[in-house]
Amino acid sequence: MTPQRSTSISAPSTGRKSWTPKTPIEVVLEQITKQETRVGTMRDELAHEERELAKLQQARKVLEAQ
């Protein structure tokens, strides 16, 4: 014999938490974290682009020396 499951209309069976509104402080802190992540990514991309530019400038020097 298998145990019967109790089904309730008020509790979803998916296990999801109910939505709770965030406080203004939580919203601002989340925005700060997202912005820090974006700035970090942009810094990495900028460093990569600067290295590529340095390589191309070295190639220009070689070509202009000829």
Protein backbone atom coordinates (compact mmCIF):
# COMPACT_ATOMS: atom_id res chain seq x y z
CA MET A 1 0.00 0.00 0.00
CA THR A 2 1.38 3.44 -0.94
CA PRO A 3 1.01 6.45 1.31
CA GLN A 4 -1.45 9.04 0.14
CA ARG A 5 -0.23 12.49 -0.67
CA SER A 6 -2.07 15.39 0.73
CA THR A 7 -2.72 18.00 -1.91
CA SER A 8 -3.47 21.51 -0.94
CA ILE A 9 -4.59 24.29 -3.25
CA SER A 10 -2.84 27.00 -1.23
CA ALA A 11 0.63 25.37 -1.25
CA PRO A 12 2.18 24.85 -4.68
CA SER A 13 3.64 21.41 -5.30
CA THR A 14 6.63 22.78 -7.24
CA GLY A 15 8.47 23.80 -4.09
CA ARG A 16 8.80 27.43 -5.15
CA LYS A 17 8.94 30.12 -2.54
CA SER A 18 6.27 32.74 -2.48
CA TRP A 19 7.21 36.18 -3.79
CA THR A 20 8.23 38.66 -1.15
CA PRO A 21 8.87 42.29 -2.06
CA LYS A 22 12.40 43.57 -1.57
CA THR A 23 13.14 46.49 0.65
CA PRO A 24 14.62 49.61 -0.97
CA ILE A 25 17.93 48.83 0.72
CA GLU A 26 18.01 45.34 -0.83
CA VAL A 27 17.25 46.80 -4.25
CA VAL A 28 20.07 49.35 -4.02
CA LEU A 29 22.55 46.76 -2.75
CA GLU A 30 21.62 44.45 -5.61
CA GLN A 31 22.12 47.29 -8.11
CA ILE A 32 25.53 48.05 -6.60
CA THR A 33 26.57 44.41 -6.93
CA LYS A 34 25.41 44.27 -10.56
CA GLN A 35 27.25 47.50 -11.38
CA GLU A 36 30.46 46.24 -9.74
CA THR A 37 30.23 43.09 -11.86
CA ARG A 38 29.68 45.11 -15.04
CA VAL A 39 32.59 47.44 -14.27
CA GLY A 40 34.88 44.48 -13.57
CA THR A 41 33.94 42.91 -16.89
CA MET A 42 34.51 46.19 -18.71
CA ARG A 43 37.93 46.59 -17.06
CA ASP A 44 38.93 43.12 -18.25
CA GLU A 45 37.76 43.92 -21.77
CA LEU A 46 39.58 47.26 -21.72
CA ALA A 47 42.82 45.59 -20.61
CA HIS A 48 42.48 43.12 -23.49
CA GLU A 49 41.84 45.91 -26.00
CA GLU A 50 44.83 47.89 -24.70
CA ARG A 51 47.09 44.86 -25.20
CA GLU A 52 45.80 44.48 -28.75
CA LEU A 53 46.44 48.18 -29.40
CA ALA A 54 49.99 47.90 -28.07
CA LYS A 55 50.65 44.99 -30.44
CA LEU A 56 49.33 46.96 -33.40
CA GLN A 57 51.40 50.01 -32.45
CA GLN A 58 54.51 47.82 -32.33
CA ALA A 59 53.64 46.52 -35.80
CA ARG A 60 53.26 50.12 -37.03
CA LYS A 61 56.72 50.99 -35.71
CA VAL A 62 58.21 48.02 -37.55
CA LEU A 63 56.42 48.93 -40.78
CA GLU A 64 57.35 52.61 -40.59
CA ALA A 65 61.01 51.74 -39.94
CA GLN A 66 61.26 50.07 -43.36
